[in-house]
Protein backbone atom coordinates (compact mmCIF):
# COMPACT_ATOMS: atom_id res chain seq x y z
CA MET A 1 -18.95 14.78 -1.73
CA GLY A 2 -15.47 13.46 -1.38
CA LEU A 3 -12.80 13.88 1.11
CA HIS A 4 -9.63 15.96 0.66
CA ILE A 5 -6.29 16.08 2.48
CA GLY A 6 -6.68 17.72 5.71
CA ASP A 7 -10.32 17.02 5.96
CA THR A 8 -11.80 15.45 9.06
CA ALA A 9 -12.74 11.83 7.96
CA PRO A 10 -16.07 10.35 9.27
CA ASP A 11 -16.22 8.27 12.33
CA PHE A 12 -16.65 4.43 11.74
CA THR A 13 -16.13 1.18 13.59
CA THR A 14 -14.62 -1.61 11.83
CA ASP A 15 -12.77 -4.97 12.50
CA THR A 16 -9.07 -4.77 11.59
CA SER A 17 -6.29 -7.20 11.64
CA THR A 18 -5.37 -5.81 14.94
CA GLY A 19 -8.80 -5.90 16.53
CA ARG A 20 -11.82 -3.76 16.43
CA ILE A 21 -11.46 0.08 16.30
CA THR A 22 -13.58 3.08 16.42
CA PHE A 23 -11.76 5.48 13.99
CA HIS A 24 -11.70 8.58 15.89
CA ASP A 25 -10.92 7.03 19.33
CA TRP A 26 -8.36 4.94 17.56
CA ILE A 27 -6.55 8.12 16.04
CA GLY A 28 -6.56 10.05 19.32
CA SER A 29 -4.21 12.95 18.59
CA ALA A 30 -2.25 11.44 15.84
CA TRP A 31 -2.44 11.92 12.09
CA VAL A 32 -3.42 9.12 9.99
CA PHE A 33 -2.05 7.93 6.60
CA PHE A 34 -4.76 6.24 4.67
CA PHE A 35 -3.65 3.90 1.89
CA SER A 36 -5.54 1.29 -0.19
CA HIS A 37 -4.89 -1.72 -2.10
CA PRO A 38 -7.04 -3.79 -4.61
CA GLY A 39 -6.76 -7.02 -2.68
CA ASP A 40 -4.79 -9.17 -0.40
CA PHE A 41 -1.93 -11.54 -1.74
CA THR A 42 -1.04 -9.12 -4.55
CA PRO A 43 2.57 -8.71 -5.49
CA VAL A 44 3.08 -4.91 -5.25
CA CYS A 45 0.81 -4.32 -2.40
CA THR A 46 2.81 -7.13 -0.38
CA THR A 47 5.86 -4.94 -0.75
CA GLU A 48 4.00 -1.95 0.10
CA ILE A 49 2.48 -3.39 3.33
CA GLY A 50 6.02 -4.63 4.23
CA ARG A 51 7.34 -1.24 3.73
CA THR A 52 4.90 0.32 5.88
CA ALA A 53 5.79 -1.99 8.62
CA GLN A 54 9.46 -1.39 8.25
CA LEU A 55 8.83 2.33 8.54
CA ALA A 56 6.85 2.03 11.64
CA ASP A 57 9.34 4.03 13.72
CA GLU A 58 9.53 6.77 11.17
CA PHE A 59 5.61 7.09 11.18
CA ALA A 60 5.54 7.11 14.99
CA LYS A 61 8.15 9.78 14.95
CA ARG A 62 5.64 11.87 13.12
CA ASN A 63 2.74 10.98 15.27
CA VAL A 64 1.24 9.21 12.26
CA LYS A 65 -0.81 6.01 12.28
CA PRO A 66 -0.87 4.02 8.75
CA LEU A 67 -4.22 2.47 8.20
CA GLY A 68 -4.48 0.32 5.09
CA LEU A 69 -7.86 -0.21 3.43
CA SER A 70 -8.86 -3.27 1.33
CA THR A 71 -12.01 -5.02 0.04
CA ASP A 72 -10.93 -8.17 1.63
CA GLY A 73 -11.77 -9.39 5.10
CA VAL A 74 -9.86 -9.60 8.25
CA GLU A 75 -9.39 -13.27 8.00
CA ASP A 76 -7.71 -12.96 4.64
CA HIS A 77 -5.55 -10.07 5.97
CA LEU A 78 -4.33 -12.30 8.92
CA LYS A 79 -3.19 -14.95 6.43
CA TRP A 80 -1.75 -12.42 4.11
CA ILE A 81 0.18 -10.71 6.90
CA GLU A 82 2.13 -14.00 7.48
CA ASP A 83 3.18 -13.99 3.90
CA VAL A 84 4.16 -10.17 4.13
CA ASP A 85 6.13 -11.04 7.24
CA ASP A 86 7.85 -13.90 5.54
CA THR A 87 8.57 -12.21 2.16
CA GLN A 88 9.32 -8.72 3.26
CA HIS A 89 11.27 -9.49 6.71
CA THR A 90 8.98 -7.28 8.70
CA THR A 91 6.78 -7.36 12.03
CA LEU A 92 4.16 -5.86 10.31
CA THR A 93 -4.57 5.35 -6.07
CA TYR A 94 -1.58 3.93 -7.75
CA PRO A 95 -2.09 1.55 -10.39
CA MET A 96 -1.68 -1.94 -8.91
CA ASN A 97 1.54 -2.67 -10.95
CA VAL A 98 3.23 0.38 -9.60
CA GLY A 99 4.64 0.57 -6.05
CA ARG A 100 4.30 3.65 -4.08
CA ASN A 101 7.44 5.61 -3.03
CA PHE A 102 7.40 5.57 0.75
CA ASN A 103 10.29 8.12 1.07
CA GLU A 104 7.95 10.41 -0.94
CA ILE A 105 5.00 9.55 1.51
CA LEU A 106 7.27 10.44 4.55
CA ARG A 107 8.31 13.61 2.88
CA VAL A 108 4.79 14.84 2.09
CA ILE A 109 3.78 14.05 5.76
CA ASP A 110 6.52 16.10 6.82
CA ALA A 111 5.72 19.01 4.41
CA VAL A 112 1.95 18.91 5.48
CA GLN A 113 2.69 18.96 9.16
CA LEU A 114 5.39 21.97 8.87
CA ALA A 115 2.76 23.81 6.74
CA ASP A 116 0.23 23.08 9.34
CA VAL A 117 2.35 24.37 12.30
CA LYS A 118 4.27 27.30 10.53
CA LYS A 119 1.57 28.44 8.10
CA ILE A 120 3.85 28.18 5.07
CA ALA A 121 3.70 26.16 1.70
CA THR A 122 6.33 23.92 0.29
CA PRO A 123 7.93 24.37 -3.21
CA ALA A 124 8.29 21.52 -5.71
CA ASP A 125 10.90 19.09 -4.48
CA TRP A 126 11.09 20.52 -1.15
CA GLU A 127 13.13 18.70 1.43
CA LYS A 128 13.17 18.99 5.23
CA GLY A 129 15.23 22.01 6.04
CA GLY A 130 14.76 23.52 2.76
CA GLU A 131 13.41 26.88 1.74
CA VAL A 132 9.67 27.34 2.11
CA ILE A 133 7.09 29.67 0.49
CA ILE A 134 5.28 32.35 2.47
CA PRO A 135 1.73 32.05 1.25
CA THR A 136 0.15 35.07 -0.52
CA SER A 137 -2.56 35.11 2.27
CA ILE A 138 0.00 36.54 4.68
CA ASP A 139 0.47 40.31 3.85
CA THR A 140 3.91 41.87 4.35
CA ALA A 141 3.15 43.35 7.78
CA ALA A 142 2.08 39.91 9.14
CA ALA A 143 5.04 38.20 7.35
CA LYS A 144 7.51 40.54 9.32
CA VAL A 145 6.15 39.32 12.60
CA GLN A 146 5.83 35.47 11.58
CA PHE A 147 9.16 35.39 9.90
CA PRO A 148 11.47 37.81 11.52
CA GLN A 149 14.41 36.31 9.99
CA GLY A 150 13.41 37.66 6.65
CA TRP A 151 12.75 36.39 3.21
CA THR A 152 13.80 36.66 -0.41
CA GLU A 153 11.19 38.17 -2.68
CA ILE A 154 11.50 36.61 -6.07
CA ARG A 155 8.23 38.17 -7.05
CA PRO A 156 5.30 39.83 -4.85
CA TYR A 157 3.47 36.52 -4.84
CA LEU A 158 6.67 34.42 -4.37
CA ARG A 159 8.55 34.82 -1.27
CA THR A 160 10.90 32.22 0.22
CA THR A 161 12.46 31.79 3.64
CA ARG A 162 13.62 29.17 6.10
CA VAL A 163 11.86 28.12 9.19
């Protein structure tokens, strides 16, 4: 049994570089951006941890708490954070030789949150403010209520609108 995007992750208690947390208590009403890396003091991951810290305000605007997972211990993390701060100028299941696209991560968070609130889907390459898709699970009568601004019907199964 694996977890999927949108699933409720199991609760756990663990030591982190910012202290001990009980996961569900720590989350509160926020969303969580889980990301993992193969180990501390690795070059690509150092840039990713740095970028996560640089985007702290962007994550906070979206009510998202980043949580990095690693096989290394807290003591190593604390030493590594000093390196990250120094080399990346911060305050704190890709291959390990390819860095993640953090603008894409923020775009996906925006899309998932919009889909959750508005009950829509987003098309390929969707950008904030762009057209969205009315899911086929919403029949025409319900769509008229939910999307009074109307929509474009490209096919009966492909209806687009703005929200």
